[in-house]
Amino acid sequence: MTKPEPAKKQEPVEKSAPVAKAEAATTAAAAAAASSAASDGASKTSDTNATVSLAKSVSTAKTASAGKAKVPNLQPRISKQQAPTAAETAADDNGSGRITWKLVGILGAVAVVLGVFAVVAAFKPGADITNTAWVDEGATAEVTKAGTEAIETLYTYSYETIDQDFEKARGYLNDAKRDEFDSTADTTKEAAIQTKTATQASVTDIGVTVLDGDRAELLAHMNVSATGDAVAQGSAATPLSIKMEKIDGKWVLSDISDSEG
């Protein structure tokens, strides 16, 4: 009996050169792809960082700009009154205009009412007209002029001529108002000289509401501007209610007060 030959051990099959080359190419391509991905990632990261950096710069710039715009002016005001801005002046002018026209309307209405009353009374037998405002044109014009001069003189003075100015003002006051004026004159004078203040008053509207013999009542609107050491300090406007009496042929102030008209 013939013995079978033992099986030969098979030798490992070596990879062919094309396969090895393909694997090498695949490996190289993978490496290149990884390198490219890493490069792209780095580039994107760099771009992202640059974008973030730029965004931060812009944001910081905007924040700085916004912050600068919102920082309040902490500089303290000087003790003297500062001149008003254009906007404030415009607002004051508008306010003054409203008061002025309101006063003009009231004075016009008073004139009409008094005129109608005078006409009606004239046709009524035995009528006694005591309020002759706007009826006696001469007397009305006289007291109107006196009231205007009294107000402007009383509120106008200069630190350089304050004694003369105050003496002139006293001439438009009755005894009671003169005593009241003198009680504060020294304080006003001291302050005016210390701050080198000068004022200028002007009556823009005035009208007589009552004229009864030697007594009269008037409504007026006054503007007062002031300077301190030759620097404009602004102006103020106010309605006034005044009473006058005729003493020794001259109309003088017996009372003066602020009025809402």
C-alpha atoms as a PDB file:
ATOM      1  CA  MET A   1       0.000   0.000   0.000  1.00  0.00           C
ATOM      2  CA  THR A   2       1.381   3.328  -1.083  1.00  0.00           C
ATOM      3  CA  LYS A   3       1.578   6.013   1.642  1.00  0.00           C
ATOM      4  CA  PRO A   4       0.146   9.363   0.722  1.00  0.00           C
ATOM      5  CA  GLU A   5       2.624  12.205   0.425  1.00  0.00           C
ATOM      6  CA  PRO A   6       2.382  14.763   3.163  1.00  0.00           C
ATOM      7  CA  ALA A   7       0.778  18.061   2.080  1.00  0.00           C
ATOM      8  CA  LYS A   8       3.228  20.756   1.279  1.00  0.00           C
ATOM      9  CA  LYS A   9       3.095  23.834   3.446  1.00  0.00           C
ATOM     10  CA  GLN A  10       1.912  26.721   1.320  1.00  0.00           C
ATOM     11  CA  GLU A  11       4.164  29.698   1.189  1.00  0.00           C
ATOM     12  CA  PRO A  12       2.517  33.053   2.044  1.00  0.00           C
ATOM     13  CA  VAL A  13       1.543  34.917  -1.082  1.00  0.00           C
ATOM     14  CA  GLU A  14       3.315  38.220  -1.305  1.00  0.00           C
ATOM     15  CA  LYS A  15       1.318  41.221  -2.333  1.00  0.00           C
ATOM     16  CA  SER A  16       1.859  42.288  -5.811  1.00  0.00           C
ATOM     17  CA  ALA A  17       3.581  45.516  -6.510  1.00  0.00           C
ATOM     18  CA  PRO A  18       0.452  47.239  -7.881  1.00  0.00           C
ATOM     19  CA  VAL A  19      -1.469  46.476  -4.713  1.00  0.00           C
ATOM     20  CA  ALA A  20       1.378  47.746  -2.537  1.00  0.00           C
ATOM     21  CA  LYS A  21       1.590  50.882  -4.614  1.00  0.00           C
ATOM     22  CA  ALA A  22      -2.161  51.399  -4.333  1.00  0.00           C
ATOM     23  CA  GLU A  23      -2.043  51.049  -0.586  1.00  0.00           C
ATOM     24  CA  ALA A  24       0.905  53.457  -0.429  1.00  0.00           C
ATOM     25  CA  ALA A  25      -0.972  55.912  -2.577  1.00  0.00           C
ATOM     26  CA  THR A  26      -4.035  55.544  -0.380  1.00  0.00           C
ATOM     27  CA  THR A  27      -1.950  56.102   2.741  1.00  0.00           C
ATOM     28  CA  ALA A  28      -0.283  59.163   1.202  1.00  0.00           C
ATOM     29  CA  ALA A  29      -3.628  60.552   0.125  1.00  0.00           C
ATOM     30  CA  ALA A  30      -5.035  60.051   3.610  1.00  0.00           C
ATOM     31  CA  ALA A  31      -2.017  61.759   5.106  1.00  0.00           C
ATOM     32  CA  ALA A  32      -2.339  64.609   2.635  1.00  0.00           C
ATOM     33  CA  ALA A  33      -6.051  64.913   3.388  1.00  0.00           C
ATOM     34  CA  ALA A  34      -5.364  64.958   7.112  1.00  0.00           C
ATOM     35  CA  SER A  35      -2.666  67.575   6.609  1.00  0.00           C
ATOM     36  CA  SER A  36      -4.968  69.640   4.403  1.00  0.00           C
ATOM     37  CA  ALA A  37      -7.775  69.337   6.931  1.00  0.00           C
ATOM     38  CA  ALA A  38      -5.441  70.384   9.700  1.00  0.00           C
ATOM     39  CA  SER A  39      -4.228  73.280   7.562  1.00  0.00           C
ATOM     40  CA  ASP A  40      -7.794  74.291   6.708  1.00  0.00           C
ATOM     41  CA  GLY A  41      -8.770  74.007  10.358  1.00  0.00           C
ATOM     42  CA  ALA A  42      -5.862  76.177  11.369  1.00  0.00           C
ATOM     43  CA  SER A  43      -6.731  78.642   8.626  1.00  0.00           C
ATOM     44  CA  LYS A  44     -10.381  78.683   9.663  1.00  0.00           C
ATOM     45  CA  THR A  45      -9.378  79.057  13.281  1.00  0.00           C
ATOM     46  CA  SER A  46      -7.061  81.893  12.313  1.00  0.00           C
ATOM     47  CA  ASP A  47      -9.810  83.510  10.249  1.00  0.00           C
ATOM     48  CA  THR A  48     -12.284  82.996  13.052  1.00  0.00           C
ATOM     49  CA  ASN A  49      -9.864  84.489  15.554  1.00  0.00           C
ATOM     50  CA  ALA A  50      -9.258  87.399  13.226  1.00  0.00           C
ATOM     51  CA  THR A  51     -13.002  87.879  12.790  1.00  0.00           C
ATOM     52  CA  VAL A  52     -13.593  87.658  16.517  1.00  0.00           C
ATOM     53  CA  SER A  53     -10.701  90.030  17.120  1.00  0.00           C
ATOM     54  CA  LEU A  54     -12.093  92.461  14.564  1.00  0.00           C
ATOM     55  CA  ALA A  55     -15.583  92.128  16.007  1.00  0.00           C
ATOM     56  CA  LYS A  56     -14.201  92.768  19.456  1.00  0.00           C
ATOM     57  CA  SER A  57     -12.355  95.812  18.174  1.00  0.00           C
ATOM     58  CA  VAL A  58     -15.481  97.177  16.508  1.00  0.00           C
ATOM     59  CA  SER A  59     -17.585  96.363  19.550  1.00  0.00           C
ATOM     60  CA  THR A  60     -15.018  97.976  21.821  1.00  0.00           C
ATOM     61  CA  ALA A  61     -14.854 101.017  19.589  1.00  0.00           C
ATOM     62  CA  LYS A  62     -18.642 101.314  19.554  1.00  0.00           C
ATOM     63  CA  THR A  63     -18.790 100.848  23.304  1.00  0.00           C
ATOM     64  CA  ALA A  64     -16.107 103.438  23.821  1.00  0.00           C
ATOM     65  CA  SER A  65     -17.885 105.825  21.478  1.00  0.00           C
ATOM     66  CA  ALA A  66     -21.238 105.228  23.143  1.00  0.00           C
ATOM     67  CA  GLY A  67     -19.693 105.560  26.562  1.00  0.00           C
ATOM     68  CA  LYS A  68     -18.083 108.824  25.580  1.00  0.00           C
ATOM     69  CA  ALA A  69     -21.385 110.235  24.354  1.00  0.00           C
ATOM     70  CA  LYS A  70     -23.159 109.346  27.585  1.00  0.00           C
ATOM     71  CA  VAL A  71     -20.582 110.660  30.019  1.00  0.00           C
ATOM     72  CA  PRO A  72     -22.232 113.579  31.800  1.00  0.00           C
ATOM     73  CA  ASN A  73     -20.490 116.878  32.188  1.00  0.00           C
ATOM     74  CA  LEU A  74     -19.489 116.928  35.823  1.00  0.00           C
ATOM     75  CA  GLN A  75     -17.921 120.356  35.691  1.00  0.00           C
ATOM     76  CA  PRO A  76     -19.531 122.395  38.494  1.00  0.00           C
ATOM     77  CA  ARG A  77     -21.484 125.495  37.637  1.00  0.00           C
ATOM     78  CA  ILE A  78     -20.072 128.825  38.704  1.00  0.00           C
ATOM     79  CA  SER A  79     -21.965 130.659  41.360  1.00  0.00           C
ATOM     80  CA  LYS A  80     -23.068 133.370  38.983  1.00  0.00           C
ATOM     81  CA  GLN A  81     -26.100 132.799  36.820  1.00  0.00           C
ATOM     82  CA  GLN A  82     -25.048 131.541  33.403  1.00  0.00           C
ATOM     83  CA  ALA A  83     -26.317 132.960  30.139  1.00  0.00           C
ATOM     84  CA  PRO A  84     -29.156 130.875  28.686  1.00  0.00           C
ATOM     85  CA  THR A  85     -28.635 128.669  25.650  1.00  0.00           C
ATOM     86  CA  ALA A  86     -30.349 129.339  22.350  1.00  0.00           C
ATOM     87  CA  ALA A  87     -32.932 126.657  23.105  1.00  0.00           C
ATOM     88  CA  GLU A  88     -33.619 128.094  26.551  1.00  0.00           C
ATOM     89  CA  THR A  89     -33.872 131.619  25.160  1.00  0.00           C
ATOM     90  CA  ALA A  90     -36.318 130.410  22.539  1.00  0.00           C
ATOM     91  CA  ALA A  91     -38.373 128.674  25.225  1.00  0.00           C
ATOM     92  CA  ASP A  92     -38.332 131.812  27.396  1.00  0.00           C
ATOM     93  CA  ASP A  93     -39.364 133.932  24.443  1.00  0.00           C
ATOM     94  CA  ASN A  94     -42.263 131.594  23.710  1.00  0.00           C
ATOM     95  CA  GLY A  95     -43.336 131.679  27.361  1.00  0.00           C
ATOM     96  CA  SER A  96     -43.094 135.476  27.429  1.00  0.00           C
ATOM     97  CA  GLY A  97     -45.152 135.651  24.257  1.00  0.00           C
ATOM     98  CA  ARG A  98     -47.899 133.547  25.780  1.00  0.00           C
ATOM     99  CA  ILE A  99     -48.038 135.745  28.888  1.00  0.00           C
ATOM    100  CA  THR A 100     -47.910 138.923  26.821  1.00  0.00           C
ATOM    101  CA  TRP A 101     -50.743 137.944  24.495  1.00  0.00           C
ATOM    102  CA  LYS A 102     -52.786 136.758  27.440  1.00  0.00           C
ATOM    103  CA  LEU A 103     -52.324 140.135  29.098  1.00  0.00           C
ATOM    104  CA  VAL A 104     -53.116 141.976  25.873  1.00  0.00           C
ATOM    105  CA  GLY A 105     -56.323 139.977  25.557  1.00  0.00           C
ATOM    106  CA  ILE A 106     -57.341 140.810  29.120  1.00  0.00           C
ATOM    107  CA  LEU A 107     -56.601 144.500  28.692  1.00  0.00           C
ATOM    108  CA  GLY A 108     -58.530 144.556  25.429  1.00  0.00           C
ATOM    109  CA  ALA A 109     -61.510 142.874  27.060  1.00  0.00           C
ATOM    110  CA  VAL A 110     -61.403 145.345  29.951  1.00  0.00           C
ATOM    111  CA  ALA A 111     -61.332 148.260  27.525  1.00  0.00           C
ATOM    112  CA  VAL A 112     -64.345 146.924  25.624  1.00  0.00           C
ATOM    113  CA  VAL A 113     -66.357 146.296  28.795  1.00  0.00           C
ATOM    114  CA  LEU A 114     -65.560 149.719  30.222  1.00  0.00           C
ATOM    115  CA  GLY A 115     -66.360 151.389  26.920  1.00  0.00           C
ATOM    116  CA  VAL A 116     -69.733 149.658  26.672  1.00  0.00           C
ATOM    117  CA  PHE A 117     -70.482 150.520  30.292  1.00  0.00           C
ATOM    118  CA  ALA A 118     -69.688 154.172  29.654  1.00  0.00           C
ATOM    119  CA  VAL A 119     -71.949 154.316  26.601  1.00  0.00           C
ATOM    120  CA  VAL A 120     -74.859 152.694  28.451  1.00  0.00           C
ATOM    121  CA  ALA A 121     -74.387 154.916  31.493  1.00  0.00           C
ATOM    122  CA  ALA A 122     -74.263 158.027  29.346  1.00  0.00           C
ATOM    123  CA  PHE A 123     -77.840 157.404  28.188  1.00  0.00           C
ATOM    124  CA  LYS A 124     -79.062 156.710  31.714  1.00  0.00           C
ATOM    125  CA  PRO A 125     -80.294 159.836  33.525  1.00  0.00           C
ATOM    126  CA  GLY A 126     -78.371 160.555  36.727  1.00  0.00           C
ATOM    127  CA  ALA A 127     -75.694 157.944  35.961  1.00  0.00           C
ATOM    128  CA  ASP A 128     -72.570 158.363  38.083  1.00  0.00           C
ATOM    129  CA  ILE A 129     -69.499 156.935  36.346  1.00  0.00           C
ATOM    130  CA  THR A 130     -66.673 156.527  38.876  1.00  0.00           C
ATOM    131  CA  ASN A 131     -64.362 154.257  36.866  1.00  0.00           C
ATOM    132  CA  THR A 132     -63.208 156.467  34.011  1.00  0.00           C
ATOM    133  CA  ALA A 133     -60.470 154.150  32.727  1.00  0.00           C
ATOM    134  CA  TRP A 134     -60.571 154.128  28.909  1.00  0.00           C
ATOM    135  CA  VAL A 135     -63.366 156.689  29.106  1.00  0.00           C
ATOM    136  CA  ASP A 136     -61.313 159.704  30.161  1.00  0.00           C
ATOM    137  CA  GLU A 137     -58.605 159.264  27.557  1.00  0.00           C
ATOM    138  CA  GLY A 138     -56.406 162.077  28.870  1.00  0.00           C
ATOM    139  CA  ALA A 139     -56.340 160.804  32.466  1.00  0.00           C
ATOM    140  CA  THR A 140     -55.911 157.205  31.270  1.00  0.00           C
ATOM    141  CA  ALA A 141     -52.897 158.156  29.152  1.00  0.00           C
ATOM    142  CA  GLU A 142     -51.404 160.132  32.051  1.00  0.00           C
ATOM    143  CA  VAL A 143     -51.608 157.314  34.583  1.00  0.00           C
ATOM    144  CA  THR A 144     -50.433 154.777  31.995  1.00  0.00           C
ATOM    145  CA  LYS A 145     -47.289 156.811  31.346  1.00  0.00           C
ATOM    146  CA  ALA A 146     -46.689 157.283  35.083  1.00  0.00           C
ATOM    147  CA  GLY A 147     -47.098 153.562  35.742  1.00  0.00           C
ATOM    148  CA  THR A 148     -44.643 152.652  32.977  1.00  0.00           C
ATOM    149  CA  GLU A 149     -42.015 155.088  34.252  1.00  0.00           C
ATOM    150  CA  ALA A 150     -42.471 153.952  37.861  1.00  0.00           C
ATOM    151  CA  ILE A 151     -41.971 150.258  37.060  1.00  0.00           C
ATOM    152  CA  GLU A 152     -38.961 150.765  34.803  1.00  0.00           C
ATOM    153  CA  THR A 153     -37.303 153.158  37.273  1.00  0.00           C
ATOM    154  CA  LEU A 154     -37.895 150.883  40.249  1.00  0.00           C
ATOM    155  CA  TYR A 155     -36.328 147.825  38.596  1.00  0.00           C
ATOM    156  CA  THR A 156     -33.472 149.491  36.678  1.00  0.00           C
ATOM    157  CA  TYR A 157     -30.145 150.226  38.358  1.00  0.00           C
ATOM    158  CA  SER A 158     -26.377 149.908  37.954  1.00  0.00           C
ATOM    159  CA  TYR A 159     -23.800 149.174  40.628  1.00  0.00           C
ATOM    160  CA  GLU A 160     -21.877 152.229  39.399  1.00  0.00           C
ATOM    161  CA  THR A 161     -24.785 154.678  39.876  1.00  0.00           C
ATOM    162  CA  ILE A 162     -26.875 152.779  42.397  1.00  0.00           C
ATOM    163  CA  ASP A 163     -27.289 155.663  44.883  1.00  0.00           C
ATOM    164  CA  GLN A 164     -28.691 157.968  42.198  1.00  0.00           C
ATOM    165  CA  ASP A 165     -30.834 155.164  40.772  1.00  0.00           C
ATOM    166  CA  PHE A 166     -32.366 154.360  44.153  1.00  0.00           C
ATOM    167  CA  GLU A 167     -33.037 158.015  44.896  1.00  0.00           C
ATOM    168  CA  LYS A 168     -34.854 158.354  41.580  1.00  0.00           C
ATOM    169  CA  ALA A 169     -36.917 155.240  42.369  1.00  0.00           C
ATOM    170  CA  ARG A 170     -37.996 156.686  45.719  1.00  0.00           C
ATOM    171  CA  GLY A 171     -39.641 159.553  43.837  1.00  0.00           C
ATOM    172  CA  TYR A 172     -42.179 157.114  42.348  1.00  0.00           C
ATOM    173  CA  LEU A 173     -43.249 155.618  45.711  1.00  0.00           C
ATOM    174  CA  ASN A 174     -45.693 156.810  48.342  1.00  0.00           C
ATOM    175  CA  ASP A 175     -44.548 157.003  51.967  1.00  0.00           C
ATOM    176  CA  ALA A 176     -45.436 153.415  52.878  1.00  0.00           C
ATOM    177  CA  LYS A 177     -43.768 151.878  49.824  1.00  0.00           C
ATOM    178  CA  ARG A 178     -40.737 154.136  50.263  1.00  0.00           C
ATOM    179  CA  ASP A 179     -40.203 152.832  53.794  1.00  0.00           C
ATOM    180  CA  GLU A 180     -40.489 149.272  52.503  1.00  0.00           C
ATOM    181  CA  PHE A 181     -37.999 150.045  49.738  1.00  0.00           C
ATOM    182  CA  ASP A 182     -35.492 151.549  52.168  1.00  0.00           C
ATOM    183  CA  SER A 183     -35.655 148.492  54.433  1.00  0.00           C
ATOM    184  CA  THR A 184     -33.883 146.385  51.772  1.00  0.00           C
ATOM    185  CA  ALA A 185     -31.963 149.048  49.828  1.00  0.00           C
ATOM    186  CA  ASP A 186     -28.649 148.600  51.664  1.00  0.00           C
ATOM    187  CA  THR A 187     -28.654 144.823  51.186  1.00  0.00           C
ATOM    188  CA  THR A 188     -29.446 145.182  47.493  1.00  0.00           C
ATOM    189  CA  LYS A 189     -26.761 147.826  47.069  1.00  0.00           C
ATOM    190  CA  GLU A 190     -24.078 145.718  48.770  1.00  0.00           C
ATOM    191  CA  ALA A 191     -24.874 142.681  46.632  1.00  0.00           C
ATOM    192  CA  ALA A 192     -24.980 144.738  43.424  1.00  0.00           C
ATOM    193  CA  ILE A 193     -21.582 146.314  44.066  1.00  0.00           C
ATOM    194  CA  GLN A 194     -19.997 143.008  45.076  1.00  0.00           C
ATOM    195  CA  THR A 195     -21.176 141.246  41.902  1.00  0.00           C
ATOM    196  CA  LYS A 196     -20.993 144.354  39.668  1.00  0.00           C
ATOM    197  CA  THR A 197     -24.606 143.882  38.710  1.00  0.00           C
ATOM    198  CA  ALA A 198     -26.658 146.105  36.440  1.00  0.00           C
ATOM    199  CA  THR A 199     -30.298 145.616  35.473  1.00  0.00           C
ATOM    200  CA  GLN A 200     -32.491 147.036  32.737  1.00  0.00           C
ATOM    201  CA  ALA A 201     -36.277 146.858  32.973  1.00  0.00           C
ATOM    202  CA  SER A 202     -38.768 147.540  30.210  1.00  0.00           C
ATOM    203  CA  VAL A 203     -42.562 147.474  30.250  1.00  0.00           C
ATOM    204  CA  THR A 204     -43.860 145.667  27.176  1.00  0.00           C
ATOM    205  CA  ASP A 205     -47.604 145.913  27.916  1.00  0.00           C
ATOM    206  CA  ILE A 206     -49.635 147.996  30.336  1.00  0.00           C
ATOM    207  CA  GLY A 207     -53.265 148.970  30.735  1.00  0.00           C
ATOM    208  CA  VAL A 208     -55.493 150.734  33.220  1.00  0.00           C
ATOM    209  CA  THR A 209     -58.264 148.608  34.730  1.00  0.00           C
ATOM    210  CA  VAL A 210     -59.539 151.111  37.290  1.00  0.00           C
ATOM    211  CA  LEU A 211     -59.344 154.910  37.274  1.00  0.00           C
ATOM    212  CA  ASP A 212     -61.338 156.551  40.023  1.00  0.00           C
ATOM    213  CA  GLY A 213     -60.364 160.127  40.774  1.00  0.00           C
ATOM    214  CA  ASP A 214     -56.886 160.111  42.291  1.00  0.00           C
ATOM    215  CA  ARG A 215     -56.615 156.329  42.456  1.00  0.00           C
ATOM    216  CA  ALA A 216     -55.836 153.830  39.720  1.00  0.00           C
ATOM    217  CA  GLU A 217     -55.119 150.157  39.181  1.00  0.00           C
ATOM    218  CA  LEU A 218     -53.111 148.759  36.282  1.00  0.00           C
ATOM    219  CA  LEU A 219     -51.934 145.453  34.839  1.00  0.00           C
ATOM    220  CA  ALA A 220     -48.486 145.336  33.237  1.00  0.00           C
ATOM    221  CA  HIS A 221     -45.948 142.961  31.771  1.00  0.00           C
ATOM    222  CA  MET A 222     -42.254 143.597  32.401  1.00  0.00           C
ATOM    223  CA  ASN A 223     -38.969 142.185  31.105  1.00  0.00           C
ATOM    224  CA  VAL A 224     -35.784 142.538  33.163  1.00  0.00           C
ATOM    225  CA  SER A 225     -32.297 141.729  31.854  1.00  0.00           C
ATOM    226  CA  ALA A 226     -29.171 141.645  34.012  1.00  0.00           C
ATOM    227  CA  THR A 227     -25.394 141.707  33.631  1.00  0.00           C
ATOM    228  CA  GLY A 228     -22.734 140.757  36.160  1.00  0.00           C
ATOM    229  CA  ASP A 229     -19.249 142.180  35.681  1.00  0.00           C
ATOM    230  CA  ALA A 230     -20.256 143.091  32.096  1.00  0.00           C
ATOM    231  CA  VAL A 231     -21.324 139.491  31.352  1.00  0.00           C
ATOM    232  CA  ALA A 232     -24.950 138.822  30.373  1.00  0.00           C
ATOM    233  CA  GLN A 233     -26.760 136.887  33.091  1.00  0.00           C
ATOM    234  CA  GLY A 234     -30.038 136.308  31.271  1.00  0.00           C
ATOM    235  CA  SER A 235     -33.463 137.875  31.562  1.00  0.00           C
ATOM    236  CA  ALA A 236     -36.804 137.325  33.251  1.00  0.00           C
ATOM    237  CA  ALA A 237     -40.360 138.260  32.403  1.00  0.00           C
ATOM    238  CA  THR A 238     -43.213 138.749  34.832  1.00  0.00           C
ATOM    239  CA  PRO A 239     -46.748 140.135  34.911  1.00  0.00           C
ATOM    240  CA  LEU A 240     -47.398 142.811  37.511  1.00  0.00           C
ATOM    241  CA  SER A 241     -50.420 144.275  39.221  1.00  0.00           C
ATOM    242  CA  ILE A 242     -49.943 147.816  40.500  1.00  0.00           C
ATOM    243  CA  LYS A 243     -51.940 150.443  42.321  1.00  0.00           C
ATOM    244  CA  MET A 244     -51.242 154.152  42.072  1.00  0.00           C
ATOM    245  CA  GLU A 245     -52.417 157.288  43.787  1.00  0.00           C
ATOM    246  CA  LYS A 246     -52.076 160.906  42.819  1.00  0.00           C
ATOM    247  CA  ILE A 247     -50.273 162.997  45.444  1.00  0.00           C
ATOM    248  CA  ASP A 248     -49.577 166.692  44.856  1.00  0.00           C
ATOM    249  CA  GLY A 249     -50.367 166.285  41.167  1.00  0.00           C
ATOM    250  CA  LYS A 250     -48.029 163.293  40.642  1.00  0.00           C
ATOM    251  CA  TRP A 251     -48.962 159.644  40.230  1.00  0.00           C
ATOM    252  CA  VAL A 252     -46.934 157.356  42.542  1.00  0.00           C
ATOM    253  CA  LEU A 253     -46.972 153.650  43.369  1.00  0.00           C
ATOM    254  CA  SER A 254     -48.968 152.606  46.414  1.00  0.00           C
ATOM    255  CA  ASP A 255     -48.738 148.859  45.795  1.00  0.00           C
ATOM    256  CA  ILE A 256     -47.001 146.478  43.408  1.00  0.00           C
ATOM    257  CA  SER A 257     -47.152 142.694  43.242  1.00  0.00           C
ATOM    258  CA  ASP A 258     -46.685 139.757  40.919  1.00  0.00           C
ATOM    259  CA  SER A 259     -49.798 138.802  39.044  1.00  0.00           C
ATOM    260  CA  GLU A 260     -50.819 135.857  36.894  1.00  0.00           C
ATOM    261  CA  GLY A 261     -52.868 138.260  34.822  1.00  0.00           C
END
